[in-house]
Amino acid sequence: MLHVGALRDALFKFLFAKHNGGVNILRIEDTDRSRYSAESEQEFITTLKWVGIEYDEGPHVGGPFGPYRQSERKEAGIYAPWIAKLMELGHAYKAFDTKEELDDVRKIQEANKLPTGYFGGSWRDATPEQVA
């Protein structure tokens, strides 16, 4: 079930780390809880091991730079100071779009053959009063 693009990315990073005497770390992007599955995570790790990609650190082996699941890193407060810094510098902003609103934007983008994704919506230029 491992997507070939994910395999290519993991292989490139594994070979890059090995070539440069670096450390190969697996971090699991699990913040989309509607799509996350512990079984899929384990299958991902098993498949990568089967093709010869080993990790020096990760949720399955531990290491000094954990936690290795993004949701756990958020809960540990690792991202909070960096988010605050980006907000302070004006390089990030709060957005409150609902899932339905994002679905509507995507449908309009697809209907008009535009690139899909979130490109700021109405929140990028919202005033502090609107955000509050």
N, C-alpha and C. Protein backbone atom coordinates (compact mmCIF):
# COMPACT_ATOMS: atom_id res chain seq x y z
N MET A 1 0.81 -1.20 0.00
CA MET A 1 0.00 0.00 0.00
C MET A 1 0.85 1.27 0.00
N LEU A 2 2.16 1.12 0.10
CA LEU A 2 3.04 2.29 0.11
C LEU A 2 3.05 2.94 -1.28
N HIS A 3 2.76 4.22 -1.33
CA HIS A 3 2.75 4.96 -2.58
C HIS A 3 4.18 5.03 -3.13
N VAL A 4 4.33 4.86 -4.43
CA VAL A 4 5.66 4.85 -5.04
C VAL A 4 6.38 6.19 -4.82
N GLY A 5 5.64 7.30 -4.76
CA GLY A 5 6.26 8.60 -4.49
C GLY A 5 6.83 8.67 -3.09
N ALA A 6 6.12 8.09 -2.13
CA ALA A 6 6.62 8.06 -0.75
C ALA A 6 7.86 7.16 -0.66
N LEU A 7 7.85 6.05 -1.39
CA LEU A 7 9.00 5.16 -1.42
C LEU A 7 10.21 5.87 -2.03
N ARG A 8 10.00 6.57 -3.13
CA ARG A 8 11.09 7.30 -3.78
C ARG A 8 11.68 8.34 -2.83
N ASP A 9 10.81 9.07 -2.15
CA ASP A 9 11.25 10.09 -1.21
C ASP A 9 12.06 9.47 -0.06
N ALA A 10 11.54 8.38 0.49
CA ALA A 10 12.24 7.71 1.60
C ALA A 10 13.59 7.17 1.13
N LEU A 11 13.65 6.60 -0.07
CA LEU A 11 14.90 6.07 -0.61
C LEU A 11 15.92 7.18 -0.83
N PHE A 12 15.48 8.30 -1.41
CA PHE A 12 16.37 9.43 -1.64
C PHE A 12 16.96 9.93 -0.32
N LYS A 13 16.12 10.11 0.69
CA LYS A 13 16.58 10.62 1.98
C LYS A 13 17.50 9.62 2.68
N PHE A 14 17.20 8.33 2.58
CA PHE A 14 18.04 7.28 3.15
C PHE A 14 19.43 7.32 2.51
N LEU A 15 19.47 7.35 1.18
CA LEU A 15 20.76 7.37 0.47
C LEU A 15 21.52 8.67 0.73
N PHE A 16 20.82 9.79 0.79
CA PHE A 16 21.46 11.07 1.08
C PHE A 16 22.11 11.05 2.46
N ALA A 17 21.37 10.57 3.46
CA ALA A 17 21.90 10.50 4.83
C ALA A 17 23.10 9.56 4.89
N LYS A 18 22.98 8.42 4.24
CA LYS A 18 24.07 7.43 4.25
C LYS A 18 25.32 8.00 3.56
N HIS A 19 25.14 8.63 2.42
CA HIS A 19 26.25 9.19 1.66
C HIS A 19 26.98 10.29 2.43
N ASN A 20 26.22 11.07 3.19
CA ASN A 20 26.78 12.21 3.89
C ASN A 20 27.10 11.94 5.36
N GLY A 21 27.04 10.68 5.77
CA GLY A 21 27.33 10.33 7.15
C GLY A 21 26.29 10.87 8.13
N GLY A 22 25.09 11.06 7.65
CA GLY A 22 24.02 11.62 8.48
C GLY A 22 23.18 10.57 9.17
N VAL A 23 22.11 11.03 9.76
CA VAL A 23 21.18 10.18 10.49
C VAL A 23 19.86 10.17 9.74
N ASN A 24 19.30 8.99 9.55
CA ASN A 24 18.03 8.85 8.86
C ASN A 24 16.92 8.75 9.91
N ILE A 25 16.05 9.77 9.94
CA ILE A 25 15.01 9.85 10.95
C ILE A 25 13.64 9.74 10.28
N LEU A 26 12.78 8.89 10.83
CA LEU A 26 11.41 8.76 10.34
C LEU A 26 10.48 9.55 11.25
N ARG A 27 9.79 10.52 10.68
CA ARG A 27 8.76 11.25 11.40
C ARG A 27 7.45 10.98 10.69
N ILE A 28 6.45 10.63 11.45
CA ILE A 28 5.13 10.28 10.90
C ILE A 28 4.24 11.53 10.89
N GLU A 29 3.73 11.86 9.71
CA GLU A 29 2.79 12.98 9.55
C GLU A 29 1.39 12.43 9.81
N ASP A 30 0.90 12.61 11.02
CA ASP A 30 -0.38 12.00 11.41
C ASP A 30 -1.40 13.01 11.90
N THR A 31 -1.29 14.25 11.50
CA THR A 31 -2.20 15.26 12.02
C THR A 31 -3.58 15.20 11.37
N ASP A 32 -3.70 14.59 10.20
CA ASP A 32 -5.03 14.40 9.59
C ASP A 32 -5.59 13.11 10.20
N ARG A 33 -6.22 13.25 11.35
CA ARG A 33 -6.68 12.09 12.11
C ARG A 33 -7.77 11.31 11.38
N SER A 34 -8.46 11.92 10.44
CA SER A 34 -9.50 11.19 9.70
C SER A 34 -8.87 10.17 8.75
N ARG A 35 -7.61 10.36 8.38
CA ARG A 35 -6.94 9.44 7.46
C ARG A 35 -5.88 8.57 8.14
N TYR A 36 -5.53 8.88 9.39
CA TYR A 36 -4.47 8.14 10.08
C TYR A 36 -4.93 6.75 10.48
N SER A 37 -4.02 5.79 10.37
CA SER A 37 -4.28 4.43 10.81
C SER A 37 -2.97 3.84 11.33
N ALA A 38 -3.02 3.30 12.54
CA ALA A 38 -1.82 2.68 13.13
C ALA A 38 -1.36 1.50 12.28
N GLU A 39 -2.30 0.78 11.68
CA GLU A 39 -1.95 -0.35 10.82
C GLU A 39 -1.19 0.13 9.58
N SER A 40 -1.62 1.24 9.00
CA SER A 40 -0.93 1.79 7.83
C SER A 40 0.46 2.27 8.20
N GLU A 41 0.60 2.86 9.38
CA GLU A 41 1.93 3.30 9.84
C GLU A 41 2.86 2.10 9.94
N GLN A 42 2.38 1.02 10.54
CA GLN A 42 3.21 -0.18 10.69
C GLN A 42 3.53 -0.79 9.33
N GLU A 43 2.56 -0.81 8.43
CA GLU A 43 2.80 -1.33 7.08
C GLU A 43 3.86 -0.50 6.35
N PHE A 44 3.79 0.81 6.52
CA PHE A 44 4.77 1.73 5.93
C PHE A 44 6.18 1.37 6.41
N ILE A 45 6.35 1.21 7.72
CA ILE A 45 7.65 0.88 8.30
C ILE A 45 8.12 -0.49 7.83
N THR A 46 7.22 -1.47 7.82
CA THR A 46 7.57 -2.83 7.40
C THR A 46 7.99 -2.86 5.93
N THR A 47 7.26 -2.14 5.07
CA THR A 47 7.58 -2.12 3.65
C THR A 47 8.93 -1.45 3.41
N LEU A 48 9.19 -0.34 4.10
CA LEU A 48 10.48 0.34 3.93
C LEU A 48 11.62 -0.57 4.37
N LYS A 49 11.43 -1.30 5.46
CA LYS A 49 12.46 -2.23 5.92
C LYS A 49 12.66 -3.34 4.88
N TRP A 50 11.57 -3.81 4.29
CA TRP A 50 11.63 -4.88 3.29
C TRP A 50 12.47 -4.47 2.08
N VAL A 51 12.39 -3.18 1.69
CA VAL A 51 13.18 -2.72 0.54
C VAL A 51 14.59 -2.28 0.95
N GLY A 52 14.92 -2.40 2.25
CA GLY A 52 16.28 -2.11 2.70
C GLY A 52 16.49 -0.73 3.29
N ILE A 53 15.41 0.01 3.53
CA ILE A 53 15.54 1.34 4.12
C ILE A 53 15.41 1.21 5.63
N GLU A 54 16.48 1.54 6.32
CA GLU A 54 16.51 1.46 7.78
C GLU A 54 16.53 2.87 8.35
N TYR A 55 16.02 3.01 9.54
CA TYR A 55 15.99 4.30 10.22
C TYR A 55 16.82 4.23 11.49
N ASP A 56 17.59 5.31 11.71
CA ASP A 56 18.38 5.42 12.94
C ASP A 56 17.50 5.87 14.10
N GLU A 57 16.46 6.63 13.78
CA GLU A 57 15.52 7.12 14.77
C GLU A 57 14.12 7.07 14.18
N GLY A 58 13.14 6.92 15.04
CA GLY A 58 11.76 6.92 14.59
C GLY A 58 10.86 6.36 15.67
N PRO A 59 9.55 6.32 15.41
CA PRO A 59 8.63 5.84 16.43
C PRO A 59 8.84 4.37 16.78
N HIS A 60 9.41 3.61 15.87
CA HIS A 60 9.61 2.18 16.08
C HIS A 60 10.98 1.86 16.67
N VAL A 61 11.91 2.84 16.71
CA VAL A 61 13.25 2.57 17.27
C VAL A 61 13.64 3.57 18.35
N GLY A 62 12.90 4.67 18.51
CA GLY A 62 13.25 5.67 19.51
C GLY A 62 14.40 6.55 19.04
N GLY A 63 15.01 7.25 19.98
CA GLY A 63 16.12 8.13 19.68
C GLY A 63 16.01 9.44 20.43
N PRO A 64 17.04 10.27 20.34
CA PRO A 64 17.08 11.50 21.14
C PRO A 64 16.22 12.66 20.64
N PHE A 65 15.65 12.58 19.43
CA PHE A 65 14.92 13.72 18.89
C PHE A 65 13.43 13.46 18.74
N GLY A 66 12.90 12.59 19.58
CA GLY A 66 11.46 12.30 19.58
C GLY A 66 10.69 13.39 20.28
N PRO A 67 9.39 13.30 20.30
CA PRO A 67 8.62 12.23 19.68
C PRO A 67 8.64 12.33 18.16
N TYR A 68 8.28 11.22 17.52
CA TYR A 68 8.43 11.12 16.07
C TYR A 68 7.12 11.17 15.30
N ARG A 69 6.00 11.23 16.00
CA ARG A 69 4.72 11.46 15.34
C ARG A 69 4.40 12.95 15.49
N GLN A 70 4.00 13.57 14.38
CA GLN A 70 3.79 15.02 14.39
C GLN A 70 2.76 15.42 15.43
N SER A 71 1.70 14.64 15.60
CA SER A 71 0.68 14.98 16.60
C SER A 71 1.27 14.99 18.00
N GLU A 72 2.18 14.07 18.29
CA GLU A 72 2.82 14.02 19.61
C GLU A 72 3.79 15.18 19.79
N ARG A 73 4.43 15.60 18.72
CA ARG A 73 5.33 16.76 18.79
C ARG A 73 4.53 18.02 19.11
N LYS A 74 3.36 18.14 18.51
CA LYS A 74 2.49 19.29 18.80
C LYS A 74 2.08 19.27 20.26
N GLU A 75 1.63 18.10 20.74
CA GLU A 75 1.21 17.97 22.14
C GLU A 75 2.36 18.29 23.10
N ALA A 76 3.59 17.99 22.72
CA ALA A 76 4.76 18.25 23.55
C ALA A 76 5.16 19.73 23.54
N GLY A 77 4.49 20.54 22.70
CA GLY A 77 4.78 21.97 22.67
C GLY A 77 5.98 22.35 21.82
N ILE A 78 6.47 21.42 21.01
CA ILE A 78 7.66 21.68 20.20
C ILE A 78 7.41 22.78 19.17
N TYR A 79 6.21 22.82 18.61
CA TYR A 79 5.93 23.77 17.53
C TYR A 79 5.48 25.14 18.03
N ALA A 80 4.93 25.22 19.24
CA ALA A 80 4.31 26.46 19.73
C ALA A 80 5.22 27.68 19.66
N PRO A 81 6.48 27.62 20.12
CA PRO A 81 7.30 28.84 20.03
C PRO A 81 7.59 29.27 18.60
N TRP A 82 7.69 28.31 17.70
CA TRP A 82 7.98 28.64 16.30
C TRP A 82 6.75 29.22 15.62
N ILE A 83 5.58 28.72 15.96
CA ILE A 83 4.34 29.29 15.43
C ILE A 83 4.21 30.73 15.92
N ALA A 84 4.46 30.96 17.20
CA ALA A 84 4.37 32.31 17.76
C ALA A 84 5.35 33.26 17.05
N LYS A 85 6.56 32.78 16.78
CA LYS A 85 7.57 33.60 16.10
C LYS A 85 7.10 33.95 14.69
N LEU A 86 6.59 32.96 13.94
CA LEU A 86 6.09 33.23 12.58
C LEU A 86 4.93 34.22 12.60
N MET A 87 4.04 34.07 13.58
CA MET A 87 2.91 35.00 13.70
C MET A 87 3.42 36.41 14.01
N GLU A 88 4.37 36.49 14.92
CA GLU A 88 4.92 37.79 15.32
C GLU A 88 5.59 38.50 14.14
N LEU A 89 6.25 37.73 13.27
CA LEU A 89 6.94 38.31 12.12
C LEU A 89 6.00 38.57 10.94
N GLY A 90 4.75 38.13 11.06
CA GLY A 90 3.79 38.31 9.97
C GLY A 90 3.95 37.30 8.85
N HIS A 91 4.62 36.18 9.12
CA HIS A 91 4.83 35.14 8.11
C HIS A 91 3.80 34.02 8.20
N ALA A 92 2.88 34.12 9.14
CA ALA A 92 1.81 33.14 9.30
C ALA A 92 0.58 33.88 9.82
N TYR A 93 -0.57 33.26 9.68
CA TYR A 93 -1.81 33.89 10.14
C TYR A 93 -2.78 32.80 10.55
N LYS A 94 -3.73 33.18 11.38
CA LYS A 94 -4.77 32.24 11.80
C LYS A 94 -5.85 32.20 10.72
N ALA A 95 -6.37 31.00 10.50
CA ALA A 95 -7.46 30.82 9.55
C ALA A 95 -8.52 29.95 10.21
N PHE A 96 -9.77 30.24 9.92
CA PHE A 96 -10.86 29.55 10.59
C PHE A 96 -11.84 28.92 9.59
N ASP A 97 -11.36 28.61 8.40
CA ASP A 97 -12.22 28.01 7.39
C ASP A 97 -12.73 26.66 7.88
N THR A 98 -13.99 26.38 7.61
CA THR A 98 -14.55 25.07 7.96
C THR A 98 -14.19 24.07 6.87
N LYS A 99 -14.36 22.79 7.17
CA LYS A 99 -14.11 21.74 6.17
C LYS A 99 -15.01 21.97 4.96
N GLU A 100 -16.24 22.35 5.19
CA GLU A 100 -17.17 22.59 4.10
C GLU A 100 -16.72 23.75 3.21
N GLU A 101 -16.25 24.82 3.83
CA GLU A 101 -15.76 25.96 3.05
C GLU A 101 -14.53 25.57 2.22
N LEU A 102 -13.65 24.79 2.80
CA LEU A 102 -12.47 24.34 2.05
C LEU A 102 -12.87 23.41 0.90
N ASP A 103 -13.87 22.56 1.14
CA ASP A 103 -14.38 21.69 0.07
C ASP A 103 -14.96 22.52 -1.07
N ASP A 104 -15.69 23.58 -0.73
CA ASP A 104 -16.28 24.46 -1.76
C ASP A 104 -15.18 25.13 -2.59
N VAL A 105 -14.12 25.61 -1.92
CA VAL A 105 -13.01 26.25 -2.64
C VAL A 105 -12.37 25.25 -3.60
N ARG A 106 -12.16 24.01 -3.11
CA ARG A 106 -11.53 22.99 -3.95
C ARG A 106 -12.40 22.68 -5.17
N LYS A 107 -13.71 22.59 -4.97
CA LYS A 107 -14.62 22.31 -6.08
C LYS A 107 -14.56 23.41 -7.14
N ILE A 108 -14.52 24.65 -6.69
CA ILE A 108 -14.42 25.78 -7.63
C ILE A 108 -13.09 25.73 -8.38
N GLN A 109 -12.00 25.42 -7.67
CA GLN A 109 -10.69 25.32 -8.31
C GLN A 109 -10.70 24.21 -9.36
N GLU A 110 -11.26 23.05 -9.00
CA GLU A 110 -11.31 21.93 -9.94
C GLU A 110 -12.17 22.26 -11.16
N ALA A 111 -13.33 22.90 -10.93
CA ALA A 111 -14.23 23.25 -12.03
C ALA A 111 -13.57 24.23 -13.00
N ASN A 112 -12.69 25.07 -12.49
CA ASN A 112 -12.01 26.05 -13.33
C ASN A 112 -10.61 25.60 -13.74
N LYS A 113 -10.31 24.31 -13.48
CA LYS A 113 -9.02 23.72 -13.85
C LYS A 113 -7.83 24.53 -13.29
N LEU A 114 -7.98 24.93 -12.02
CA LEU A 114 -6.94 25.67 -11.31
C LEU A 114 -6.21 24.73 -10.36
N PRO A 115 -5.00 25.09 -9.96
CA PRO A 115 -4.32 24.28 -8.94
C PRO A 115 -5.18 24.24 -7.68
N THR A 116 -5.27 23.06 -7.06
CA THR A 116 -6.06 22.94 -5.84
C THR A 116 -5.18 23.13 -4.62
N GLY A 117 -5.77 23.68 -3.60
CA GLY A 117 -5.06 23.89 -2.35
C GLY A 117 -5.56 25.13 -1.65
N TYR A 118 -5.02 25.37 -0.48
CA TYR A 118 -5.42 26.53 0.29
C TYR A 118 -4.44 27.65 0.02
N PHE A 119 -4.93 28.76 -0.48
CA PHE A 119 -4.06 29.87 -0.86
C PHE A 119 -4.41 31.14 -0.09
N GLY A 120 -4.86 31.00 1.15
CA GLY A 120 -5.07 32.15 2.00
C GLY A 120 -6.52 32.49 2.29
N GLY A 121 -7.40 32.18 1.37
CA GLY A 121 -8.80 32.50 1.62
C GLY A 121 -8.97 33.94 2.07
N SER A 122 -9.95 34.17 2.90
CA SER A 122 -10.21 35.53 3.38
C SER A 122 -9.42 35.85 4.65
N TRP A 123 -8.75 34.88 5.23
CA TRP A 123 -8.07 35.10 6.51
C TRP A 123 -6.67 35.69 6.37
N ARG A 124 -6.04 35.54 5.25
CA ARG A 124 -4.68 36.05 5.08
C ARG A 124 -4.59 37.56 5.38
N ASP A 125 -5.58 38.30 4.93
CA ASP A 125 -5.57 39.76 5.11
C ASP A 125 -6.59 40.24 6.15
N ALA A 126 -7.04 39.34 7.01
CA ALA A 126 -8.03 39.71 8.03
C ALA A 126 -7.42 40.67 9.06
N THR A 127 -8.25 41.55 9.55
CA THR A 127 -7.78 42.49 10.58
C THR A 127 -7.72 41.77 11.92
N PRO A 128 -6.98 42.29 12.87
CA PRO A 128 -6.96 41.69 14.21
C PRO A 128 -8.35 41.58 14.82
N GLU A 129 -9.22 42.54 14.52
CA GLU A 129 -10.57 42.50 15.04
C GLU A 129 -11.36 41.33 14.45
N GLN A 130 -11.18 41.08 13.16
CA GLN A 130 -11.86 39.95 12.52
C GLN A 130 -11.37 38.63 13.09
N VAL A 131 -10.09 38.53 13.31
CA VAL A 131 -9.51 37.30 13.87
C VAL A 131 -10.03 37.08 15.28
N ALA A 132 -10.10 38.15 16.08
CA ALA A 132 -10.60 38.04 17.46
C ALA A 132 -12.05 37.59 17.45
